[in-house]
Amino acid sequence: MPDTSDLTAADALISAAWGHPVDELYHYLREGSTHDPALVAVLRIRTALVIDYSDVAVHRERIHSLTRRGHLPLHHDLQQLSSSSAELRQAHAANQARLHAIRSIIDAYPEGHLAQGLTRSLDRSAAVRAEAARARSSASTPAPPTDTQNAGHTTSAGTRNEVRSPRR
């Protein structure tokens, strides 16, 4: 089971900075309600952090299987153990670097600025959608065209329009 302390810390930082849970922030971006570049950057870094946790889980599982009780590691097992532990340390270092990057982006703004910006963006987005809905509902539907072209029109014998059979 991977240690989720870095991911939990990242989620806490993001939620505190923007004032909404991380899942809602992803939803706002997918919906197009906000176009905050700082939020996009932070959530992309968080996505990489989540992906790295699957690598951490794989390396930990491999290390646990190679060092289980009663198992005497063979020569090739020692090589796998060594490479898995090195890759696990590397993944942990990458997670720490990603967490630091998230912290750096958030710290670049004054406290409360990101949450206020998101609130303004969501309010503008809601106002635009409401205005578009009002415009759609108040728009008059065009009247169907009157058939003035055929009024009083007679067809002469021998034209193609006289003989039409229904399509089957």
N, C-alpha and C. Protein backbone atom coordinates (compact mmCIF):
# COMPACT_ATOMS: atom_id res chain seq x y z
N MET A 1 0.84 -1.17 0.00
CA MET A 1 0.00 0.00 0.00
C MET A 1 0.89 1.24 0.00
N PRO A 2 0.75 2.12 -0.99
CA PRO A 2 1.63 3.28 -1.05
C PRO A 2 1.33 4.28 0.04
N ASP A 3 2.38 4.98 0.45
CA ASP A 3 2.24 6.03 1.45
C ASP A 3 1.64 7.25 0.76
N THR A 4 0.50 7.70 1.22
CA THR A 4 -0.19 8.80 0.55
C THR A 4 0.04 10.14 1.24
N SER A 5 1.08 10.23 2.05
CA SER A 5 1.28 11.48 2.78
C SER A 5 1.56 12.65 1.83
N ASP A 6 2.34 12.44 0.76
CA ASP A 6 2.60 13.51 -0.19
C ASP A 6 1.33 13.90 -0.94
N LEU A 7 0.57 12.91 -1.35
CA LEU A 7 -0.68 13.19 -2.06
C LEU A 7 -1.69 13.87 -1.15
N THR A 8 -1.77 13.43 0.09
CA THR A 8 -2.67 14.05 1.06
C THR A 8 -2.25 15.49 1.33
N ALA A 9 -0.96 15.70 1.45
CA ALA A 9 -0.45 17.06 1.67
C ALA A 9 -0.74 17.95 0.47
N ALA A 10 -0.57 17.42 -0.74
CA ALA A 10 -0.86 18.20 -1.95
C ALA A 10 -2.34 18.56 -2.01
N ASP A 11 -3.21 17.58 -1.72
CA ASP A 11 -4.65 17.86 -1.73
C ASP A 11 -5.02 18.92 -0.70
N ALA A 12 -4.42 18.85 0.47
CA ALA A 12 -4.70 19.84 1.52
C ALA A 12 -4.25 21.23 1.08
N LEU A 13 -3.06 21.32 0.48
CA LEU A 13 -2.56 22.61 0.00
C LEU A 13 -3.48 23.20 -1.07
N ILE A 14 -3.85 22.36 -2.03
CA ILE A 14 -4.69 22.82 -3.14
C ILE A 14 -6.06 23.24 -2.64
N SER A 15 -6.66 22.43 -1.80
CA SER A 15 -7.99 22.74 -1.27
C SER A 15 -7.97 24.02 -0.44
N ALA A 16 -6.92 24.21 0.34
CA ALA A 16 -6.84 25.42 1.16
C ALA A 16 -6.63 26.66 0.29
N ALA A 17 -5.83 26.54 -0.76
CA ALA A 17 -5.52 27.70 -1.60
C ALA A 17 -6.73 28.15 -2.43
N TRP A 18 -7.49 27.19 -2.98
CA TRP A 18 -8.61 27.55 -3.84
C TRP A 18 -9.96 27.48 -3.12
N GLY A 19 -9.99 26.94 -1.93
CA GLY A 19 -11.22 26.92 -1.15
C GLY A 19 -12.25 25.91 -1.61
N HIS A 20 -11.85 24.94 -2.40
CA HIS A 20 -12.75 23.89 -2.88
C HIS A 20 -11.99 22.57 -2.89
N PRO A 21 -12.70 21.46 -2.75
CA PRO A 21 -12.03 20.16 -2.86
C PRO A 21 -11.43 19.95 -4.25
N VAL A 22 -10.42 19.13 -4.31
CA VAL A 22 -9.69 18.90 -5.57
C VAL A 22 -10.62 18.37 -6.66
N ASP A 23 -11.53 17.46 -6.33
CA ASP A 23 -12.44 16.91 -7.34
C ASP A 23 -13.30 17.99 -7.97
N GLU A 24 -13.76 18.95 -7.18
CA GLU A 24 -14.55 20.06 -7.72
C GLU A 24 -13.70 20.92 -8.64
N LEU A 25 -12.44 21.13 -8.28
CA LEU A 25 -11.56 21.95 -9.11
C LEU A 25 -11.34 21.29 -10.47
N TYR A 26 -11.14 19.98 -10.48
CA TYR A 26 -11.04 19.27 -11.76
C TYR A 26 -12.32 19.45 -12.57
N HIS A 27 -13.45 19.36 -11.91
CA HIS A 27 -14.75 19.52 -12.58
C HIS A 27 -14.88 20.92 -13.19
N TYR A 28 -14.50 21.94 -12.45
CA TYR A 28 -14.59 23.31 -12.96
C TYR A 28 -13.73 23.50 -14.21
N LEU A 29 -12.55 22.89 -14.23
CA LEU A 29 -11.70 23.01 -15.41
C LEU A 29 -12.28 22.25 -16.60
N ARG A 30 -12.78 21.04 -16.36
CA ARG A 30 -13.37 20.26 -17.46
C ARG A 30 -14.59 20.97 -18.03
N GLU A 31 -15.37 21.57 -17.13
CA GLU A 31 -16.60 22.26 -17.53
C GLU A 31 -16.30 23.56 -18.25
N GLY A 32 -15.13 24.11 -18.03
CA GLY A 32 -14.77 25.39 -18.64
C GLY A 32 -15.23 26.58 -17.81
N SER A 33 -15.56 26.36 -16.56
CA SER A 33 -16.02 27.44 -15.69
C SER A 33 -14.90 28.38 -15.30
N THR A 34 -13.68 27.90 -15.33
CA THR A 34 -12.54 28.72 -14.97
C THR A 34 -11.38 28.43 -15.90
N HIS A 35 -10.54 29.43 -16.07
CA HIS A 35 -9.35 29.29 -16.93
C HIS A 35 -8.13 29.80 -16.19
N ASP A 36 -7.99 29.40 -14.93
CA ASP A 36 -6.89 29.85 -14.08
C ASP A 36 -5.63 29.07 -14.42
N PRO A 37 -4.60 29.72 -14.96
CA PRO A 37 -3.38 29.00 -15.34
C PRO A 37 -2.66 28.39 -14.14
N ALA A 38 -2.72 29.04 -12.99
CA ALA A 38 -2.08 28.47 -11.80
C ALA A 38 -2.78 27.18 -11.39
N LEU A 39 -4.10 27.16 -11.47
CA LEU A 39 -4.86 25.96 -11.13
C LEU A 39 -4.56 24.84 -12.12
N VAL A 40 -4.48 25.17 -13.39
CA VAL A 40 -4.15 24.16 -14.40
C VAL A 40 -2.79 23.55 -14.11
N ALA A 41 -1.81 24.39 -13.82
CA ALA A 41 -0.45 23.89 -13.54
C ALA A 41 -0.42 23.01 -12.30
N VAL A 42 -1.09 23.45 -11.25
CA VAL A 42 -1.08 22.68 -10.00
C VAL A 42 -1.77 21.34 -10.19
N LEU A 43 -2.89 21.32 -10.90
CA LEU A 43 -3.61 20.05 -11.10
C LEU A 43 -2.86 19.11 -12.03
N ARG A 44 -2.10 19.65 -12.96
CA ARG A 44 -1.26 18.78 -13.81
C ARG A 44 -0.14 18.15 -12.99
N ILE A 45 0.44 18.93 -12.11
CA ILE A 45 1.49 18.39 -11.24
C ILE A 45 0.90 17.34 -10.32
N ARG A 46 -0.30 17.60 -9.80
CA ARG A 46 -0.96 16.64 -8.92
C ARG A 46 -1.26 15.35 -9.67
N THR A 47 -1.66 15.45 -10.93
CA THR A 47 -1.93 14.26 -11.74
C THR A 47 -0.66 13.43 -11.89
N ALA A 48 0.48 14.08 -12.11
CA ALA A 48 1.75 13.35 -12.18
C ALA A 48 2.08 12.70 -10.84
N LEU A 49 1.73 13.38 -9.76
CA LEU A 49 1.95 12.82 -8.42
C LEU A 49 1.11 11.56 -8.22
N VAL A 50 -0.12 11.58 -8.69
CA VAL A 50 -0.99 10.40 -8.57
C VAL A 50 -0.45 9.25 -9.40
N ILE A 51 0.02 9.54 -10.59
CA ILE A 51 0.57 8.50 -11.46
C ILE A 51 1.82 7.88 -10.84
N ASP A 52 2.64 8.70 -10.21
CA ASP A 52 3.85 8.17 -9.57
C ASP A 52 3.53 7.22 -8.43
N TYR A 53 2.39 7.38 -7.80
CA TYR A 53 2.04 6.50 -6.70
C TYR A 53 1.80 5.07 -7.17
N SER A 54 1.39 4.90 -8.40
CA SER A 54 1.27 3.53 -8.90
C SER A 54 2.66 2.91 -9.06
N ASP A 55 3.62 3.71 -9.48
CA ASP A 55 5.00 3.20 -9.56
C ASP A 55 5.53 2.84 -8.17
N VAL A 56 5.25 3.69 -7.19
CA VAL A 56 5.69 3.43 -5.83
C VAL A 56 5.10 2.12 -5.33
N ALA A 57 3.82 1.90 -5.61
CA ALA A 57 3.14 0.68 -5.16
C ALA A 57 3.78 -0.56 -5.80
N VAL A 58 4.10 -0.48 -7.09
CA VAL A 58 4.72 -1.61 -7.77
C VAL A 58 6.09 -1.92 -7.17
N HIS A 59 6.90 -0.90 -6.96
CA HIS A 59 8.24 -1.12 -6.41
C HIS A 59 8.17 -1.67 -4.99
N ARG A 60 7.25 -1.14 -4.19
CA ARG A 60 7.11 -1.65 -2.82
C ARG A 60 6.66 -3.10 -2.81
N GLU A 61 5.73 -3.42 -3.66
CA GLU A 61 5.24 -4.81 -3.73
C GLU A 61 6.37 -5.74 -4.15
N ARG A 62 7.16 -5.32 -5.11
CA ARG A 62 8.28 -6.15 -5.55
C ARG A 62 9.29 -6.34 -4.41
N ILE A 63 9.59 -5.28 -3.69
CA ILE A 63 10.53 -5.38 -2.57
C ILE A 63 9.97 -6.29 -1.48
N HIS A 64 8.68 -6.16 -1.19
CA HIS A 64 8.08 -7.01 -0.16
C HIS A 64 8.09 -8.48 -0.58
N SER A 65 7.84 -8.74 -1.87
CA SER A 65 7.85 -10.14 -2.30
C SER A 65 9.26 -10.73 -2.28
N LEU A 66 10.25 -9.91 -2.55
CA LEU A 66 11.63 -10.41 -2.53
C LEU A 66 12.19 -10.55 -1.12
N THR A 67 11.59 -9.87 -0.16
CA THR A 67 12.12 -9.91 1.22
C THR A 67 11.13 -10.57 2.18
N ARG A 68 10.19 -11.34 1.65
CA ARG A 68 9.20 -11.96 2.53
C ARG A 68 9.87 -12.97 3.47
N ARG A 69 9.21 -13.24 4.55
CA ARG A 69 9.72 -14.15 5.58
C ARG A 69 9.89 -15.56 5.00
N GLY A 70 11.00 -16.15 5.28
CA GLY A 70 11.26 -17.51 4.86
C GLY A 70 11.79 -17.62 3.43
N HIS A 71 11.95 -16.50 2.74
CA HIS A 71 12.44 -16.51 1.36
C HIS A 71 13.92 -16.12 1.35
N LEU A 72 14.72 -17.00 0.80
CA LEU A 72 16.14 -16.73 0.69
C LEU A 72 16.39 -16.16 -0.71
N PRO A 73 16.76 -14.88 -0.83
CA PRO A 73 16.95 -14.29 -2.16
C PRO A 73 18.12 -14.93 -2.91
N LEU A 74 17.88 -15.18 -4.18
CA LEU A 74 18.92 -15.69 -5.05
C LEU A 74 19.72 -14.52 -5.62
N HIS A 75 20.75 -14.83 -6.39
CA HIS A 75 21.62 -13.78 -6.93
C HIS A 75 20.82 -12.80 -7.79
N HIS A 76 20.00 -13.32 -8.70
CA HIS A 76 19.23 -12.41 -9.57
C HIS A 76 18.15 -11.66 -8.77
N ASP A 77 17.70 -12.23 -7.67
CA ASP A 77 16.76 -11.53 -6.79
C ASP A 77 17.42 -10.32 -6.15
N LEU A 78 18.69 -10.45 -5.83
CA LEU A 78 19.40 -9.33 -5.21
C LEU A 78 19.51 -8.15 -6.18
N GLN A 79 19.71 -8.46 -7.46
CA GLN A 79 19.77 -7.40 -8.47
C GLN A 79 18.41 -6.71 -8.58
N GLN A 80 17.33 -7.49 -8.60
CA GLN A 80 15.98 -6.91 -8.67
C GLN A 80 15.68 -6.09 -7.42
N LEU A 81 16.09 -6.59 -6.28
CA LEU A 81 15.88 -5.89 -5.01
C LEU A 81 16.62 -4.55 -5.02
N SER A 82 17.82 -4.58 -5.48
CA SER A 82 18.63 -3.36 -5.52
C SER A 82 18.02 -2.33 -6.49
N SER A 83 17.64 -2.78 -7.67
CA SER A 83 17.08 -1.83 -8.65
C SER A 83 15.72 -1.32 -8.20
N SER A 84 14.90 -2.18 -7.59
CA SER A 84 13.59 -1.74 -7.11
C SER A 84 13.72 -0.73 -5.97
N SER A 85 14.68 -0.95 -5.09
CA SER A 85 14.84 0.01 -3.99
C SER A 85 15.36 1.34 -4.51
N ALA A 86 16.24 1.31 -5.50
CA ALA A 86 16.73 2.56 -6.10
C ALA A 86 15.60 3.30 -6.81
N GLU A 87 14.77 2.57 -7.53
CA GLU A 87 13.64 3.19 -8.23
C GLU A 87 12.59 3.71 -7.25
N LEU A 88 12.43 3.03 -6.13
CA LEU A 88 11.51 3.50 -5.10
C LEU A 88 12.01 4.81 -4.49
N ARG A 89 13.29 4.89 -4.21
CA ARG A 89 13.86 6.15 -3.69
C ARG A 89 13.70 7.27 -4.70
N GLN A 90 13.90 6.94 -5.97
CA GLN A 90 13.75 7.93 -7.03
C GLN A 90 12.29 8.43 -7.12
N ALA A 91 11.35 7.52 -7.02
CA ALA A 91 9.94 7.90 -7.08
C ALA A 91 9.56 8.77 -5.89
N HIS A 92 10.06 8.44 -4.72
CA HIS A 92 9.79 9.27 -3.55
C HIS A 92 10.39 10.67 -3.71
N ALA A 93 11.58 10.74 -4.27
CA ALA A 93 12.20 12.04 -4.50
C ALA A 93 11.40 12.86 -5.51
N ALA A 94 10.91 12.20 -6.56
CA ALA A 94 10.09 12.89 -7.55
C ALA A 94 8.80 13.40 -6.92
N ASN A 95 8.20 12.60 -6.04
CA ASN A 95 6.98 13.04 -5.35
C ASN A 95 7.25 14.26 -4.48
N GLN A 96 8.37 14.25 -3.77
CA GLN A 96 8.73 15.40 -2.95
C GLN A 96 8.96 16.64 -3.81
N ALA A 97 9.58 16.46 -4.96
CA ALA A 97 9.80 17.59 -5.87
C ALA A 97 8.48 18.14 -6.40
N ARG A 98 7.55 17.26 -6.72
CA ARG A 98 6.24 17.70 -7.20
C ARG A 98 5.46 18.44 -6.12
N LEU A 99 5.53 17.94 -4.91
CA LEU A 99 4.88 18.61 -3.80
C LEU A 99 5.48 19.99 -3.58
N HIS A 100 6.79 20.09 -3.71
CA HIS A 100 7.47 21.38 -3.58
C HIS A 100 7.04 22.33 -4.70
N ALA A 101 6.87 21.81 -5.91
CA ALA A 101 6.43 22.64 -7.04
C ALA A 101 5.02 23.18 -6.79
N ILE A 102 4.14 22.34 -6.28
CA ILE A 102 2.78 22.79 -5.96
C ILE A 102 2.84 23.88 -4.89
N ARG A 103 3.65 23.65 -3.86
CA ARG A 103 3.79 24.64 -2.79
C ARG A 103 4.35 25.96 -3.34
N SER A 104 5.29 25.89 -4.25
CA SER A 104 5.90 27.09 -4.82
C SER A 104 4.90 27.90 -5.64
N ILE A 105 4.09 27.21 -6.42
CA ILE A 105 3.08 27.92 -7.22
C ILE A 105 2.07 28.61 -6.31
N ILE A 106 1.62 27.91 -5.29
CA ILE A 106 0.63 28.48 -4.37
C ILE A 106 1.24 29.64 -3.59
N ASP A 107 2.49 29.50 -3.16
CA ASP A 107 3.14 30.55 -2.38
C ASP A 107 3.46 31.80 -3.21
N ALA A 108 3.42 31.69 -4.52
CA ALA A 108 3.70 32.84 -5.38
C ALA A 108 2.58 33.87 -5.33
N TYR A 109 1.42 33.48 -4.83
CA TYR A 109 0.26 34.38 -4.76
C TYR A 109 -0.01 34.75 -3.31
N PRO A 110 -0.55 35.95 -3.09
CA PRO A 110 -0.92 36.33 -1.72
C PRO A 110 -2.01 35.40 -1.19
N GLU A 111 -2.05 35.27 0.11
CA GLU A 111 -3.05 34.37 0.73
C GLU A 111 -4.46 34.83 0.38
N GLY A 112 -5.28 33.90 -0.05
CA GLY A 112 -6.67 34.19 -0.40
C GLY A 112 -6.87 34.64 -1.83
N HIS A 113 -5.79 35.00 -2.53
CA HIS A 113 -5.91 35.50 -3.90
C HIS A 113 -6.46 34.44 -4.86
N LEU A 114 -5.97 33.22 -4.73
CA LEU A 114 -6.40 32.15 -5.64
C LEU A 114 -7.87 31.81 -5.43
N ALA A 115 -8.30 31.73 -4.18
CA ALA A 115 -9.71 31.42 -3.89
C ALA A 115 -10.63 32.53 -4.39
N GLN A 116 -10.22 33.79 -4.19
CA GLN A 116 -11.03 34.91 -4.67
C GLN A 116 -11.10 34.93 -6.19
N GLY A 117 -9.98 34.64 -6.83
CA GLY A 117 -9.96 34.59 -8.30
C GLY A 117 -10.87 33.50 -8.84
N LEU A 118 -10.86 32.35 -8.18
CA LEU A 118 -11.74 31.27 -8.61
C LEU A 118 -13.20 31.66 -8.42
N THR A 119 -13.52 32.27 -7.30
CA THR A 119 -14.90 32.69 -7.04
C THR A 119 -15.36 33.69 -8.09
N ARG A 120 -14.51 34.67 -8.41
CA ARG A 120 -14.88 35.64 -9.46
C ARG A 120 -15.07 34.95 -10.80
N SER A 121 -14.19 34.04 -11.12
CA SER A 121 -14.29 33.32 -12.40
C SER A 121 -15.56 32.49 -12.48
N LEU A 122 -15.89 31.81 -11.39
CA LEU A 122 -17.12 31.01 -11.38
C LEU A 122 -18.35 31.90 -11.47
N ASP A 123 -18.33 33.06 -10.81
CA ASP A 123 -19.45 33.99 -10.89
C ASP A 123 -19.63 34.52 -12.31
N ARG A 124 -18.52 34.89 -12.97
CA ARG A 124 -18.59 35.36 -14.36
C ARG A 124 -19.12 34.27 -15.27
N SER A 125 -18.63 33.06 -15.07
CA SER A 125 -19.06 31.94 -15.90
C SER A 125 -20.55 31.68 -15.72
N ALA A 126 -21.03 31.73 -14.48
CA ALA A 126 -22.45 31.52 -14.22
C ALA A 126 -23.28 32.63 -14.84
N ALA A 127 -22.79 33.88 -14.78
CA ALA A 127 -23.52 35.00 -15.37
C ALA A 127 -23.60 34.87 -16.89
N VAL A 128 -22.52 34.45 -17.50
CA VAL A 128 -22.50 34.27 -18.96
C VAL A 128 -23.47 33.16 -19.37
N ARG A 129 -23.47 32.06 -18.62
CA ARG A 129 -24.40 30.97 -18.95
C ARG A 129 -25.84 31.40 -18.76
N ALA A 130 -26.11 32.15 -17.70
CA ALA A 130 -27.48 32.62 -17.46
C ALA A 130 -27.93 33.57 -18.56
N GLU A 131 -27.03 34.46 -18.98
CA GLU A 131 -27.37 35.39 -20.06
C GLU A 131 -27.62 34.66 -21.37
N ALA A 132 -26.81 33.65 -21.64
CA ALA A 132 -27.02 32.87 -22.87
C ALA A 132 -28.34 32.11 -22.81
N ALA A 133 -28.70 31.61 -21.65
CA ALA A 133 -29.97 30.91 -21.51
C ALA A 133 -31.13 31.87 -21.70
N ARG A 134 -31.02 33.09 -21.15
CA ARG A 134 -32.08 34.08 -21.35
C ARG A 134 -32.19 34.45 -22.81
N ALA A 135 -31.06 34.59 -23.50
CA ALA A 135 -31.08 34.95 -24.91
C ALA A 135 -31.73 33.85 -25.75
N ARG A 136 -31.44 32.59 -25.39
CA ARG A 136 -32.05 31.49 -26.14
C ARG A 136 -33.55 31.43 -25.91
N SER A 137 -33.99 31.68 -24.68
CA SER A 137 -35.41 31.56 -24.38
C SER A 137 -36.21 32.74 -24.92
N SER A 138 -35.58 33.92 -25.03
CA SER A 138 -36.33 35.09 -25.51
C SER A 138 -36.23 35.27 -27.01
N ALA A 139 -35.37 34.53 -27.66
CA ALA A 139 -35.23 34.66 -29.11
C ALA A 139 -36.50 34.15 -29.77
N SER A 140 -37.01 34.96 -30.70
CA SER A 140 -38.23 34.54 -31.38
C SER A 140 -37.89 33.47 -32.39
N THR A 141 -38.73 32.49 -32.47
CA THR A 141 -38.51 31.43 -33.45
C THR A 141 -39.01 31.92 -34.79
N PRO A 142 -38.24 31.71 -35.82
CA PRO A 142 -38.66 32.21 -37.13
C PRO A 142 -39.92 31.50 -37.61
N ALA A 143 -40.81 32.29 -38.23
CA ALA A 143 -42.05 31.73 -38.76
C ALA A 143 -41.72 30.90 -40.00
N PRO A 144 -42.44 29.82 -40.21
CA PRO A 144 -42.16 29.03 -41.41
C PRO A 144 -42.48 29.85 -42.65
N PRO A 145 -41.72 29.66 -43.69
CA PRO A 145 -41.95 30.45 -44.90
C PRO A 145 -43.30 30.11 -45.51
N THR A 146 -43.94 31.15 -46.00
CA THR A 146 -45.24 30.93 -46.67
C THR A 146 -44.96 30.47 -48.08
N ASP A 147 -45.83 29.70 -48.59
CA ASP A 147 -45.65 29.11 -49.91
C ASP A 147 -46.19 30.07 -50.97
N THR A 148 -45.51 31.19 -51.18
CA THR A 148 -45.96 32.19 -52.14
C THR A 148 -45.50 31.88 -53.54
N GLN A 149 -44.51 31.07 -53.70
CA GLN A 149 -43.97 30.79 -55.03
C GLN A 149 -44.94 29.93 -55.84
N ASN A 150 -45.61 29.01 -55.20
CA ASN A 150 -46.49 28.10 -55.93
C ASN A 150 -47.92 28.62 -56.05
N ALA A 151 -48.21 29.77 -55.47
CA ALA A 151 -49.56 30.30 -55.53
C ALA A 151 -49.87 30.70 -56.97
N GLY A 152 -50.89 30.11 -57.52
CA GLY A 152 -51.31 30.43 -58.88
C GLY A 152 -50.42 29.85 -59.93
N HIS A 153 -49.50 29.03 -59.60
CA HIS A 153 -48.56 28.45 -60.55
C HIS A 153 -49.17 27.20 -61.15
N THR A 154 -49.16 27.12 -62.43
CA THR A 154 -49.68 25.92 -63.10
C THR A 154 -48.54 25.27 -63.84
N THR A 155 -48.59 23.98 -63.88
CA THR A 155 -47.56 23.25 -64.61
C THR A 155 -48.07 22.95 -65.99
N SER A 156 -47.20 23.07 -66.92
CA SER A 156 -47.58 22.77 -68.29
C SER A 156 -47.29 21.31 -68.57
N ALA A 157 -47.97 20.80 -69.52
CA ALA A 157 -47.83 19.39 -69.86
C ALA A 157 -46.43 19.13 -70.40
N GLY A 158 -45.92 17.98 -70.06
CA GLY A 158 -44.64 17.56 -70.60
C GLY A 158 -43.45 17.93 -69.74
N THR A 159 -43.63 18.48 -68.55
CA THR A 159 -42.47 18.79 -67.70
C THR A 159 -42.13 17.60 -66.82
N ARG A 160 -40.96 17.61 -66.33
CA ARG A 160 -40.51 16.52 -65.47
C ARG A 160 -41.26 16.49 -64.14
N ASN A 161 -41.72 17.61 -63.65
CA ASN A 161 -42.35 17.68 -62.34
C ASN A 161 -43.72 17.02 -62.31
N GLU A 162 -44.31 16.77 -63.48
CA GLU A 162 -45.65 16.19 -63.49
C GLU A 162 -45.65 14.75 -63.02
N VAL A 163 -44.69 14.00 -63.47
CA VAL A 163 -44.70 12.59 -63.18
C VAL A 163 -43.61 12.27 -62.16
N ARG A 164 -44.05 12.14 -60.95
CA ARG A 164 -43.11 11.75 -59.91
C ARG A 164 -43.71 10.58 -59.16
N SER A 165 -42.92 9.60 -59.03
CA SER A 165 -43.39 8.44 -58.26
C SER A 165 -42.77 8.48 -56.88
N PRO A 166 -43.48 7.98 -55.90
CA PRO A 166 -42.91 7.99 -54.54
C PRO A 166 -41.71 7.04 -54.46
N ARG A 167 -40.77 7.42 -53.69
CA ARG A 167 -39.57 6.58 -53.51
C ARG A 167 -39.89 5.44 -52.58
N ARG A 168 -39.32 4.36 -52.91
CA ARG A 168 -39.55 3.17 -52.09
C ARG A 168 -38.29 2.73 -51.46
